[in-house]
C-alpha atoms as a PDB file:
ATOM      1  CA  UNK A   1       0.038  -0.251   0.121  1.00  0.00           C
ATOM      2  CA  UNK A   2       1.571   3.363  -1.322  1.00  0.00           C
ATOM      3  CA  UNK A   3       1.944   6.058   1.378  1.00  0.00           C
ATOM      4  CA  UNK A   4       2.980   8.632  -0.147  1.00  0.00           C
ATOM      5  CA  UNK A   5       0.475  11.583  -0.707  1.00  0.00           C
ATOM      6  CA  UNK A   6       2.463  12.995  -3.227  1.00  0.00           C
ATOM      7  CA  UNK A   7       2.243  10.823  -6.002  1.00  0.00           C
ATOM      8  CA  UNK A   8       0.099  11.827  -8.708  1.00  0.00           C
ATOM      9  CA  UNK A   9      -1.720   7.882  -8.076  1.00  0.00           C
ATOM     10  CA  UNK A  10      -3.505   9.866  -4.484  1.00  0.00           C
ATOM     11  CA  UNK A  11      -5.164  12.872  -5.760  1.00  0.00           C
ATOM     12  CA  UNK A  12      -6.103  10.906  -8.984  1.00  0.00           C
ATOM     13  CA  UNK A  13      -7.976   8.573  -6.872  1.00  0.00           C
ATOM     14  CA  UNK A  14      -9.556  10.449  -4.616  1.00  0.00           C
ATOM     15  CA  UNK A  15     -10.687  12.891  -8.083  1.00  0.00           C
ATOM     16  CA  UNK A  16     -12.186   9.972  -9.369  1.00  0.00           C
ATOM     17  CA  UNK A  17     -13.779   9.263  -5.630  1.00  0.00           C
ATOM     18  CA  UNK A  18     -15.426  12.430  -6.273  1.00  0.00           C
ATOM     19  CA  UNK A  19     -16.458  11.491 -10.418  1.00  0.00           C
ATOM     20  CA  UNK A  20     -18.394   8.611  -9.849  1.00  0.00           C
ATOM     21  CA  UNK A  21     -19.677   8.944  -5.841  1.00  0.00           C
ATOM     22  CA  UNK A  22     -17.453   7.652  -2.893  1.00  0.00           C
ATOM     23  CA  UNK A  23     -19.013   6.489   0.385  1.00  0.00           C
ATOM     24  CA  UNK A  24     -16.052   6.909   3.565  1.00  0.00           C
ATOM     25  CA  UNK A  25     -15.993   5.546   6.630  1.00  0.00           C
ATOM     26  CA  UNK A  26     -14.814   7.722   9.543  1.00  0.00           C
ATOM     27  CA  UNK A  27     -13.105   5.802  12.257  1.00  0.00           C
ATOM     28  CA  UNK A  28     -10.896   6.938  15.647  1.00  0.00           C
ATOM     29  CA  UNK A  29     -12.592   7.280  19.109  1.00  0.00           C
ATOM     30  CA  UNK A  30     -12.340  11.173  18.927  1.00  0.00           C
ATOM     31  CA  UNK A  31     -14.304  13.255  20.931  1.00  0.00           C
ATOM     32  CA  UNK A  32     -17.792  14.454  19.362  1.00  0.00           C
ATOM     33  CA  UNK A  33     -16.843  18.082  18.558  1.00  0.00           C
ATOM     34  CA  UNK A  34     -13.942  16.938  16.731  1.00  0.00           C
ATOM     35  CA  UNK A  35     -15.889  14.262  14.906  1.00  0.00           C
ATOM     36  CA  UNK A  36     -18.078  16.950  13.638  1.00  0.00           C
ATOM     37  CA  UNK A  37     -14.869  19.789  12.676  1.00  0.00           C
ATOM     38  CA  UNK A  38     -14.342  16.813  10.170  1.00  0.00           C
ATOM     39  CA  UNK A  39     -17.920  16.232   8.947  1.00  0.00           C
ATOM     40  CA  UNK A  40     -18.192  19.737   8.336  1.00  0.00           C
ATOM     41  CA  UNK A  41     -15.831  19.271   6.049  1.00  0.00           C
ATOM     42  CA  UNK A  42     -16.540  16.362   4.412  1.00  0.00           C
ATOM     43  CA  UNK A  43     -20.085  18.106   3.957  1.00  0.00           C
ATOM     44  CA  UNK A  44     -18.389  20.350   1.779  1.00  0.00           C
ATOM     45  CA  UNK A  45     -17.639  24.260   0.739  1.00  0.00           C
ATOM     46  CA  UNK A  46     -19.680  26.537   1.998  1.00  0.00           C
ATOM     47  CA  UNK A  47     -18.497  29.439  -0.593  1.00  0.00           C
ATOM     48  CA  UNK A  48     -18.874  27.246  -3.630  1.00  0.00           C
ATOM     49  CA  UNK A  49     -21.299  28.527  -6.578  1.00  0.00           C
ATOM     50  CA  UNK A  50     -23.459  26.107  -6.373  1.00  0.00           C
ATOM     51  CA  UNK A  51     -24.806  25.478  -3.104  1.00  0.00           C
ATOM     52  CA  UNK A  52     -24.033  21.119  -1.774  1.00  0.00           C
ATOM     53  CA  UNK A  53     -27.397  19.211  -1.285  1.00  0.00           C
ATOM     54  CA  UNK A  54     -26.778  17.862   2.304  1.00  0.00           C
ATOM     55  CA  UNK A  55     -29.230  15.550   4.390  1.00  0.00           C
ATOM     56  CA  UNK A  56     -27.910  14.733   7.856  1.00  0.00           C
ATOM     57  CA  UNK A  57     -28.856  11.644   9.976  1.00  0.00           C
ATOM     58  CA  UNK A  58     -28.590  11.469  13.900  1.00  0.00           C
ATOM     59  CA  UNK A  59     -29.516  10.120  16.795  1.00  0.00           C
ATOM     60  CA  UNK A  60     -32.113  12.193  18.537  1.00  0.00           C
ATOM     61  CA  UNK A  61     -29.522  13.966  21.683  1.00  0.00           C
ATOM     62  CA  UNK A  62     -27.712  15.210  18.203  1.00  0.00           C
ATOM     63  CA  UNK A  63     -30.058  17.141  16.843  1.00  0.00           C
ATOM     64  CA  UNK A  64     -27.849  20.777  17.103  1.00  0.00           C
ATOM     65  CA  UNK A  65     -24.925  18.500  16.154  1.00  0.00           C
ATOM     66  CA  UNK A  66     -26.812  18.412  12.352  1.00  0.00           C
ATOM     67  CA  UNK A  67     -27.952  21.804  12.371  1.00  0.00           C
ATOM     68  CA  UNK A  68     -24.429  23.175  12.787  1.00  0.00           C
ATOM     69  CA  UNK A  69     -23.076  21.426  10.167  1.00  0.00           C
ATOM     70  CA  UNK A  70     -25.487  22.404   7.941  1.00  0.00           C
ATOM     71  CA  UNK A  71     -25.075  25.863   8.952  1.00  0.00           C
ATOM     72  CA  UNK A  72     -21.471  25.895   8.686  1.00  0.00           C
ATOM     73  CA  UNK A  73     -20.945  24.027   5.475  1.00  0.00           C
ATOM     74  CA  UNK A  74     -23.596  26.165   3.162  1.00  0.00           C
ATOM     75  CA  UNK A  75     -26.701  27.331   2.799  1.00  0.00           C
ATOM     76  CA  UNK A  76     -29.558  26.530   4.834  1.00  0.00           C
ATOM     77  CA  UNK A  77     -31.824  25.755   1.689  1.00  0.00           C
ATOM     78  CA  UNK A  78     -34.565  23.814   2.382  1.00  0.00           C
ATOM     79  CA  UNK A  79     -34.686  21.911  -1.005  1.00  0.00           C
ATOM     80  CA  UNK A  80     -31.075  21.551  -0.677  1.00  0.00           C
ATOM     81  CA  UNK A  81     -30.859  20.241   2.800  1.00  0.00           C
ATOM     82  CA  UNK A  82     -32.730  18.126   5.354  1.00  0.00           C
ATOM     83  CA  UNK A  83     -31.955  15.796   8.394  1.00  0.00           C
ATOM     84  CA  UNK A  84     -32.891  12.484   9.332  1.00  0.00           C
ATOM     85  CA  UNK A  85     -33.370  12.477  13.499  1.00  0.00           C
ATOM     86  CA  UNK A  86     -32.899   9.050  14.941  1.00  0.00           C
ATOM     87  CA  UNK A  87     -35.140   7.135  18.182  1.00  0.00           C
ATOM     88  CA  UNK A  88     -37.393   9.718  17.364  1.00  0.00           C
ATOM     89  CA  UNK A  89     -41.345   8.539  16.746  1.00  0.00           C
ATOM     90  CA  UNK A  90     -41.432   7.331  13.540  1.00  0.00           C
ATOM     91  CA  UNK A  91     -44.169  10.674  12.434  1.00  0.00           C
ATOM     92  CA  UNK A  92     -43.133  10.888   8.844  1.00  0.00           C
ATOM     93  CA  UNK A  93     -41.239  14.794   8.097  1.00  0.00           C
ATOM     94  CA  UNK A  94     -41.320  18.457   8.805  1.00  0.00           C
ATOM     95  CA  UNK A  95     -40.049  21.647   7.969  1.00  0.00           C
ATOM     96  CA  UNK A  96     -39.291  23.442  11.363  1.00  0.00           C
ATOM     97  CA  UNK A  97     -40.172  27.415  10.879  1.00  0.00           C
ATOM     98  CA  UNK A  98     -37.696  30.189  10.014  1.00  0.00           C
ATOM     99  CA  UNK A  99     -35.739  31.640   7.045  1.00  0.00           C
ATOM    100  CA  UNK A 100     -33.295  30.032   5.366  1.00  0.00           C
ATOM    101  CA  UNK A 101     -30.116  31.569   6.938  1.00  0.00           C
ATOM    102  CA  UNK A 102     -26.331  31.274   5.608  1.00  0.00           C
ATOM    103  CA  UNK A 103     -23.738  29.244   6.745  1.00  0.00           C
ATOM    104  CA  UNK A 104     -21.202  31.073   9.318  1.00  0.00           C
ATOM    105  CA  UNK A 105     -19.016  29.336   6.464  1.00  0.00           C
ATOM    106  CA  UNK A 106     -16.383  28.415  10.052  1.00  0.00           C
ATOM    107  CA  UNK A 107     -14.400  25.992   7.348  1.00  0.00           C
ATOM    108  CA  UNK A 108     -12.117  26.969   4.568  1.00  0.00           C
ATOM    109  CA  UNK A 109     -12.583  26.449   1.083  1.00  0.00           C
ATOM    110  CA  UNK A 110     -10.269  23.416  -0.557  1.00  0.00           C
ATOM    111  CA  UNK A 111      -7.402  23.621  -3.001  1.00  0.00           C
ATOM    112  CA  UNK A 112      -6.390  21.747  -5.303  1.00  0.00           C
ATOM    113  CA  UNK A 113      -2.772  20.205  -4.485  1.00  0.00           C
ATOM    114  CA  UNK A 114      -1.614  16.782  -3.597  1.00  0.00           C
ATOM    115  CA  UNK A 115      -1.856  16.055   0.414  1.00  0.00           C
ATOM    116  CA  UNK A 116       1.290  17.418   1.857  1.00  0.00           C
ATOM    117  CA  UNK A 117       4.152  16.079   4.158  1.00  0.00           C
ATOM    118  CA  UNK A 118       2.990  13.825   7.020  1.00  0.00           C
ATOM    119  CA  UNK A 119       0.919  16.491   9.578  1.00  0.00           C
ATOM    120  CA  UNK A 120       1.281  19.353   7.071  1.00  0.00           C
ATOM    121  CA  UNK A 121      -2.026  21.171   6.748  1.00  0.00           C
ATOM    122  CA  UNK A 122      -4.019  19.536   3.659  1.00  0.00           C
ATOM    123  CA  UNK A 123      -7.553  20.469   2.254  1.00  0.00           C
ATOM    124  CA  UNK A 124      -7.289  16.894   0.142  1.00  0.00           C
ATOM    125  CA  UNK A 125      -7.855  17.256  -3.606  1.00  0.00           C
ATOM    126  CA  UNK A 126     -11.393  16.283  -5.376  1.00  0.00           C
ATOM    127  CA  UNK A 127     -13.117  15.812  -1.361  1.00  0.00           C
ATOM    128  CA  UNK A 128     -13.676  18.054   1.007  1.00  0.00           C
ATOM    129  CA  UNK A 129     -14.156  22.213  -0.506  1.00  0.00           C
ATOM    130  CA  UNK A 130     -13.710  22.257  -4.012  1.00  0.00           C
ATOM    131  CA  UNK A 131     -16.513  23.410  -6.188  1.00  0.00           C
ATOM    132  CA  UNK A 132     -18.148  20.525  -8.056  1.00  0.00           C
ATOM    133  CA  UNK A 133     -16.802  19.900 -11.398  1.00  0.00           C
ATOM    134  CA  UNK A 134     -19.735  20.331 -14.085  1.00  0.00           C
ATOM    135  CA  UNK A 135     -21.157  16.838 -15.917  1.00  0.00           C
ATOM    136  CA  UNK A 136     -21.551  13.650 -14.996  1.00  0.00           C
ATOM    137  CA  UNK A 137     -22.566  10.907 -17.016  1.00  0.00           C
ATOM    138  CA  UNK A 138     -26.125   8.569 -15.682  1.00  0.00           C
ATOM    139  CA  UNK A 139     -27.893   9.159 -13.240  1.00  0.00           C
ATOM    140  CA  UNK A 140     -31.332   7.471 -11.118  1.00  0.00           C
ATOM    141  CA  UNK A 141     -34.477   7.981 -12.421  1.00  0.00           C
ATOM    142  CA  UNK A 142     -36.145  11.200 -11.240  1.00  0.00           C
ATOM    143  CA  UNK A 143     -39.055  10.868  -9.676  1.00  0.00           C
ATOM    144  CA  UNK A 144     -41.980  13.540  -9.439  1.00  0.00           C
ATOM    145  CA  UNK A 145     -42.038  14.702  -5.664  1.00  0.00           C
ATOM    146  CA  UNK A 146     -45.278  13.671  -3.372  1.00  0.00           C
ATOM    147  CA  UNK A 147     -47.522  15.679  -1.318  1.00  0.00           C
ATOM    148  CA  UNK A 148     -47.164  16.354   2.406  1.00  0.00           C
ATOM    149  CA  UNK A 149     -44.859  13.026   3.188  1.00  0.00           C
ATOM    150  CA  UNK A 150     -48.075  12.792   5.787  1.00  0.00           C
ATOM    151  CA  UNK A 151     -49.673  11.086   2.779  1.00  0.00           C
ATOM    152  CA  UNK A 152     -46.960   9.340   1.408  1.00  0.00           C
ATOM    153  CA  UNK A 153     -44.144   8.899   3.823  1.00  0.00           C
ATOM    154  CA  UNK A 154     -41.564   8.576   0.709  1.00  0.00           C
ATOM    155  CA  UNK A 155     -42.477  11.956  -0.550  1.00  0.00           C
ATOM    156  CA  UNK A 156     -41.782  15.706  -0.396  1.00  0.00           C
ATOM    157  CA  UNK A 157     -42.006  16.524   3.223  1.00  0.00           C
ATOM    158  CA  UNK A 158     -44.007  18.390   4.321  1.00  0.00           C
ATOM    159  CA  UNK A 159     -44.254  22.359   4.649  1.00  0.00           C
ATOM    160  CA  UNK A 160     -44.503  24.370   7.950  1.00  0.00           C
ATOM    161  CA  UNK A 161     -44.704  22.600  11.560  1.00  0.00           C
ATOM    162  CA  UNK A 162     -41.959  22.161  13.929  1.00  0.00           C
ATOM    163  CA  UNK A 163     -38.586  20.075  14.448  1.00  0.00           C
ATOM    164  CA  UNK A 164     -39.670  18.474  17.423  1.00  0.00           C
ATOM    165  CA  UNK A 165     -36.781  18.611  20.412  1.00  0.00           C
ATOM    166  CA  UNK A 166     -34.444  20.170  18.073  1.00  0.00           C
ATOM    167  CA  UNK A 167     -35.588  23.617  18.004  1.00  0.00           C
ATOM    168  CA  UNK A 168     -36.060  25.173  15.028  1.00  0.00           C
ATOM    169  CA  UNK A 169     -35.077  23.837  11.680  1.00  0.00           C
ATOM    170  CA  UNK A 170     -35.428  25.521   8.460  1.00  0.00           C
ATOM    171  CA  UNK A 171     -34.740  22.631   6.537  1.00  0.00           C
ATOM    172  CA  UNK A 172     -36.894  19.100   6.661  1.00  0.00           C
ATOM    173  CA  UNK A 173     -36.760  16.989   9.333  1.00  0.00           C
ATOM    174  CA  UNK A 174     -37.988  13.927   9.590  1.00  0.00           C
ATOM    175  CA  UNK A 175     -38.132  11.443  12.761  1.00  0.00           C
ATOM    176  CA  UNK A 176     -37.586   7.668  12.948  1.00  0.00           C
ATOM    177  CA  UNK A 177     -36.853   4.546  15.011  1.00  0.00           C
ATOM    178  CA  UNK A 178     -33.264   3.717  15.582  1.00  0.00           C
ATOM    179  CA  UNK A 179     -33.659   0.476  12.935  1.00  0.00           C
ATOM    180  CA  UNK A 180     -31.839  -0.148  10.045  1.00  0.00           C
ATOM    181  CA  UNK A 181     -35.341  -1.033   7.610  1.00  0.00           C
ATOM    182  CA  UNK A 182     -36.205   2.702   8.681  1.00  0.00           C
ATOM    183  CA  UNK A 183     -33.897   4.770   8.867  1.00  0.00           C
ATOM    184  CA  UNK A 184     -32.892   3.129   5.232  1.00  0.00           C
ATOM    185  CA  UNK A 185     -36.304   3.969   4.435  1.00  0.00           C
ATOM    186  CA  UNK A 186     -35.671   7.721   5.575  1.00  0.00           C
ATOM    187  CA  UNK A 187     -32.819   7.883   3.792  1.00  0.00           C
ATOM    188  CA  UNK A 188     -33.756   6.652   0.962  1.00  0.00           C
ATOM    189  CA  UNK A 189     -36.602   9.143   0.229  1.00  0.00           C
ATOM    190  CA  UNK A 190     -34.657  12.532   1.498  1.00  0.00           C
ATOM    191  CA  UNK A 191     -31.759  11.262  -0.909  1.00  0.00           C
ATOM    192  CA  UNK A 192     -34.729  10.990  -3.448  1.00  0.00           C
ATOM    193  CA  UNK A 193     -36.414  14.751  -2.615  1.00  0.00           C
ATOM    194  CA  UNK A 194     -32.633  16.177  -3.042  1.00  0.00           C
ATOM    195  CA  UNK A 195     -32.644  15.097  -5.821  1.00  0.00           C
ATOM    196  CA  UNK A 196     -35.852  16.368  -7.505  1.00  0.00           C
ATOM    197  CA  UNK A 197     -35.557  19.730  -8.336  1.00  0.00           C
ATOM    198  CA  UNK A 198     -32.791  19.649 -11.204  1.00  0.00           C
ATOM    199  CA  UNK A 199     -29.931  17.882 -12.092  1.00  0.00           C
ATOM    200  CA  UNK A 200     -27.186  16.747  -9.870  1.00  0.00           C
ATOM    201  CA  UNK A 201     -23.149  17.444 -10.436  1.00  0.00           C
ATOM    202  CA  UNK A 202     -20.786  15.256  -9.824  1.00  0.00           C
ATOM    203  CA  UNK A 203     -19.768  15.767  -5.918  1.00  0.00           C
ATOM    204  CA  UNK A 204     -22.913  18.405  -5.158  1.00  0.00           C
ATOM    205  CA  UNK A 205     -24.759  15.245  -2.883  1.00  0.00           C
ATOM    206  CA  UNK A 206     -23.464  14.822   0.154  1.00  0.00           C
ATOM    207  CA  UNK A 207     -24.325  12.617   3.061  1.00  0.00           C
ATOM    208  CA  UNK A 208     -23.287  12.480   6.800  1.00  0.00           C
ATOM    209  CA  UNK A 209     -24.446   9.504   8.493  1.00  0.00           C
ATOM    210  CA  UNK A 210     -23.904   9.338  12.603  1.00  0.00           C
ATOM    211  CA  UNK A 211     -26.222   6.430  14.406  1.00  0.00           C
ATOM    212  CA  UNK A 212     -23.775   2.819  13.368  1.00  0.00           C
ATOM    213  CA  UNK A 213     -22.723   3.087  16.603  1.00  0.00           C
ATOM    214  CA  UNK A 214     -26.337   2.880  18.374  1.00  0.00           C
ATOM    215  CA  UNK A 215     -27.416   0.369  14.975  1.00  0.00           C
ATOM    216  CA  UNK A 216     -25.036  -1.678  16.326  1.00  0.00           C
ATOM    217  CA  UNK A 217     -25.232  -2.051  20.097  1.00  0.00           C
ATOM    218  CA  UNK A 218     -29.264  -2.610  19.157  1.00  0.00           C
ATOM    219  CA  UNK A 219     -28.871  -4.696  15.876  1.00  0.00           C
ATOM    220  CA  UNK A 220     -27.298  -7.809  14.721  1.00  0.00           C
ATOM    221  CA  UNK A 221     -23.891  -6.806  12.413  1.00  0.00           C
ATOM    222  CA  UNK A 222     -25.819  -8.177   9.801  1.00  0.00           C
ATOM    223  CA  UNK A 223     -28.635  -5.796   8.846  1.00  0.00           C
ATOM    224  CA  UNK A 224     -26.238  -3.403   9.996  1.00  0.00           C
ATOM    225  CA  UNK A 225     -23.828  -4.298   7.088  1.00  0.00           C
ATOM    226  CA  UNK A 226     -27.017  -4.780   4.905  1.00  0.00           C
ATOM    227  CA  UNK A 227     -27.604  -0.971   5.506  1.00  0.00           C
ATOM    228  CA  UNK A 228     -23.953   0.284   4.967  1.00  0.00           C
ATOM    229  CA  UNK A 229     -24.128  -1.614   1.312  1.00  0.00           C
ATOM    230  CA  UNK A 230     -28.162   0.048   0.634  1.00  0.00           C
ATOM    231  CA  UNK A 231     -26.319   3.692   1.249  1.00  0.00           C
ATOM    232  CA  UNK A 232     -22.912   3.533  -0.009  1.00  0.00           C
ATOM    233  CA  UNK A 233     -24.793   1.536  -3.655  1.00  0.00           C
ATOM    234  CA  UNK A 234     -27.276   4.892  -3.478  1.00  0.00           C
ATOM    235  CA  UNK A 235     -24.523   7.858  -2.543  1.00  0.00           C
ATOM    236  CA  UNK A 236     -23.083   6.183  -5.005  1.00  0.00           C
ATOM    237  CA  UNK A 237     -25.614   6.073  -8.115  1.00  0.00           C
ATOM    238  CA  UNK A 238     -26.150  10.117  -7.337  1.00  0.00           C
ATOM    239  CA  UNK A 239     -22.249  10.837  -7.805  1.00  0.00           C
ATOM    240  CA  UNK A 240     -22.328  12.240  -4.225  1.00  0.00           C
ATOM    241  CA  UNK A 241     -20.447  11.498  -1.578  1.00  0.00           C
ATOM    242  CA  UNK A 242     -21.231   9.873   1.774  1.00  0.00           C
ATOM    243  CA  UNK A 243     -19.897   9.648   5.233  1.00  0.00           C
ATOM    244  CA  UNK A 244     -19.988   7.281   8.026  1.00  0.00           C
ATOM    245  CA  UNK A 245     -19.286   7.234  11.620  1.00  0.00           C
ATOM    246  CA  UNK A 246     -18.051   4.771  13.504  1.00  0.00           C
ATOM    247  CA  UNK A 247     -16.533   5.542  16.531  1.00  0.00           C
ATOM    248  CA  UNK A 248     -13.805   2.964  16.961  1.00  0.00           C
ATOM    249  CA  UNK A 249     -10.265   2.220  16.066  1.00  0.00           C
ATOM    250  CA  UNK A 250      -9.307   0.412  12.562  1.00  0.00           C
ATOM    251  CA  UNK A 251      -8.244  -2.453  14.219  1.00  0.00           C
ATOM    252  CA  UNK A 252     -11.989  -2.892  15.654  1.00  0.00           C
ATOM    253  CA  UNK A 253     -14.001  -6.210  14.341  1.00  0.00           C
ATOM    254  CA  UNK A 254     -16.980  -4.057  13.265  1.00  0.00           C
ATOM    255  CA  UNK A 255     -14.363  -1.905  11.452  1.00  0.00           C
ATOM    256  CA  UNK A 256     -12.689  -4.782   9.916  1.00  0.00           C
ATOM    257  CA  UNK A 257     -16.288  -5.628   8.826  1.00  0.00           C
ATOM    258  CA  UNK A 258     -17.467  -2.720   7.580  1.00  0.00           C
ATOM    259  CA  UNK A 259     -14.500  -1.161   5.331  1.00  0.00           C
ATOM    260  CA  UNK A 260     -15.316  -3.042   1.846  1.00  0.00           C
ATOM    261  CA  UNK A 261     -18.475  -1.525   1.175  1.00  0.00           C
ATOM    262  CA  UNK A 262     -16.798   1.609   1.621  1.00  0.00           C
ATOM    263  CA  UNK A 263     -14.303   3.600  -1.067  1.00  0.00           C
ATOM    264  CA  UNK A 264     -11.842   4.780   1.807  1.00  0.00           C
ATOM    265  CA  UNK A 265     -10.883   4.710   5.361  1.00  0.00           C
ATOM    266  CA  UNK A 266     -10.814   7.906   6.643  1.00  0.00           C
ATOM    267  CA  UNK A 267      -9.447   6.867  10.243  1.00  0.00           C
ATOM    268  CA  UNK A 268      -9.196  10.505  13.014  1.00  0.00           C
ATOM    269  CA  UNK A 269      -6.707  11.434  15.582  1.00  0.00           C
ATOM    270  CA  UNK A 270      -5.978  14.008  18.255  1.00  0.00           C
ATOM    271  CA  UNK A 271      -2.630  15.016  18.246  1.00  0.00           C
ATOM    272  CA  UNK A 272      -2.828  17.712  21.365  1.00  0.00           C
ATOM    273  CA  UNK A 273      -5.122  19.454  20.279  1.00  0.00           C
ATOM    274  CA  UNK A 274      -4.882  19.230  16.471  1.00  0.00           C
ATOM    275  CA  UNK A 275      -7.151  17.633  14.553  1.00  0.00           C
ATOM    276  CA  UNK A 276      -5.632  14.973  12.111  1.00  0.00           C
ATOM    277  CA  UNK A 277      -6.790  12.658   9.744  1.00  0.00           C
ATOM    278  CA  UNK A 278      -5.367   9.649   7.354  1.00  0.00           C
ATOM    279  CA  UNK A 279      -6.879   7.927   4.358  1.00  0.00           C
ATOM    280  CA  UNK A 280      -6.490   4.787   2.664  1.00  0.00           C
ATOM    281  CA  UNK A 281      -8.522   4.310  -0.219  1.00  0.00           C
ATOM    282  CA  UNK A 282      -9.820   0.676  -0.831  1.00  0.00           C
ATOM    283  CA  UNK A 283      -9.234   0.338  -5.301  1.00  0.00           C
ATOM    284  CA  UNK A 284      -5.859   2.264  -5.769  1.00  0.00           C
ATOM    285  CA  UNK A 285      -4.360   1.386  -2.672  1.00  0.00           C
ATOM    286  CA  UNK A 286      -2.884   4.412  -1.677  1.00  0.00           C
ATOM    287  CA  UNK A 287      -2.697   6.035   2.088  1.00  0.00           C
ATOM    288  CA  UNK A 288      -1.867   9.625   3.192  1.00  0.00           C
ATOM    289  CA  UNK A 289       0.468  10.274   6.148  1.00  0.00           C
ATOM    290  CA  UNK A 290      -1.641  11.738   8.937  1.00  0.00           C
ATOM    291  CA  UNK A 291      -2.494  14.874   8.122  1.00  0.00           C
ATOM    292  CA  UNK A 292      -3.574  18.324  10.032  1.00  0.00           C
ATOM    293  CA  UNK A 293      -7.273  19.356   9.559  1.00  0.00           C
ATOM    294  CA  UNK A 294      -7.543  23.078   9.627  1.00  0.00           C
END
């Protein structure tokens, strides 16, 4: 496995992940705030000319984390953003009141240079914060949005209402039980909604998926494996970039079992007060050194 992230192969492999769509497994037992920083970065550049379409899936205790990430990674447009909250009541979707705030832009934009030396600050090319590339061959067939989600749980979430325990959220919020089937159906419905407005460019659709640890505590590994398989296939079909969090070390049994379903593993660690990330790309066999996350 090549470790020199300055070689053209590593940069090219990352660019290819963006063009064709990719699913990433984010591992490492870092604090929640450290993961939130990494997740916000992976959700895309808040200054991009064409705003990302972003879906954040969280346990019910983390609603504020979801809205913070959406706020910091781009404009809060109801047609281009959404939240799925797990372990709430399965009551379809609702949209909270509130005008479309723009993101604070706390994280910076992306460059296109290859990753730097070990420990150096770097924005990885092709992923993270970089304007989307134009054009992409093929995409799943669009389905016409249905009426309010109360009429069709797979349709467009209803306007108006309240977001529940998370407070006012100016994007649609869907509450589901913490089961692989319920979460999978909700994510599929939201991805269809977010891609129904107009053509989706490569890398434009972003998914952050946090409740994997909760699912493993409540379910057997097999149904969780199937859910990860489906999520990866769907995000790739839309040419999007999804990241799934598993707060465990890279040599954990569950990580080793699920890793083949993903295009890459992103490992996080803290070195003092510095958050660092290391990438392993499955198809190319490339691995980066530890890099500071800005």
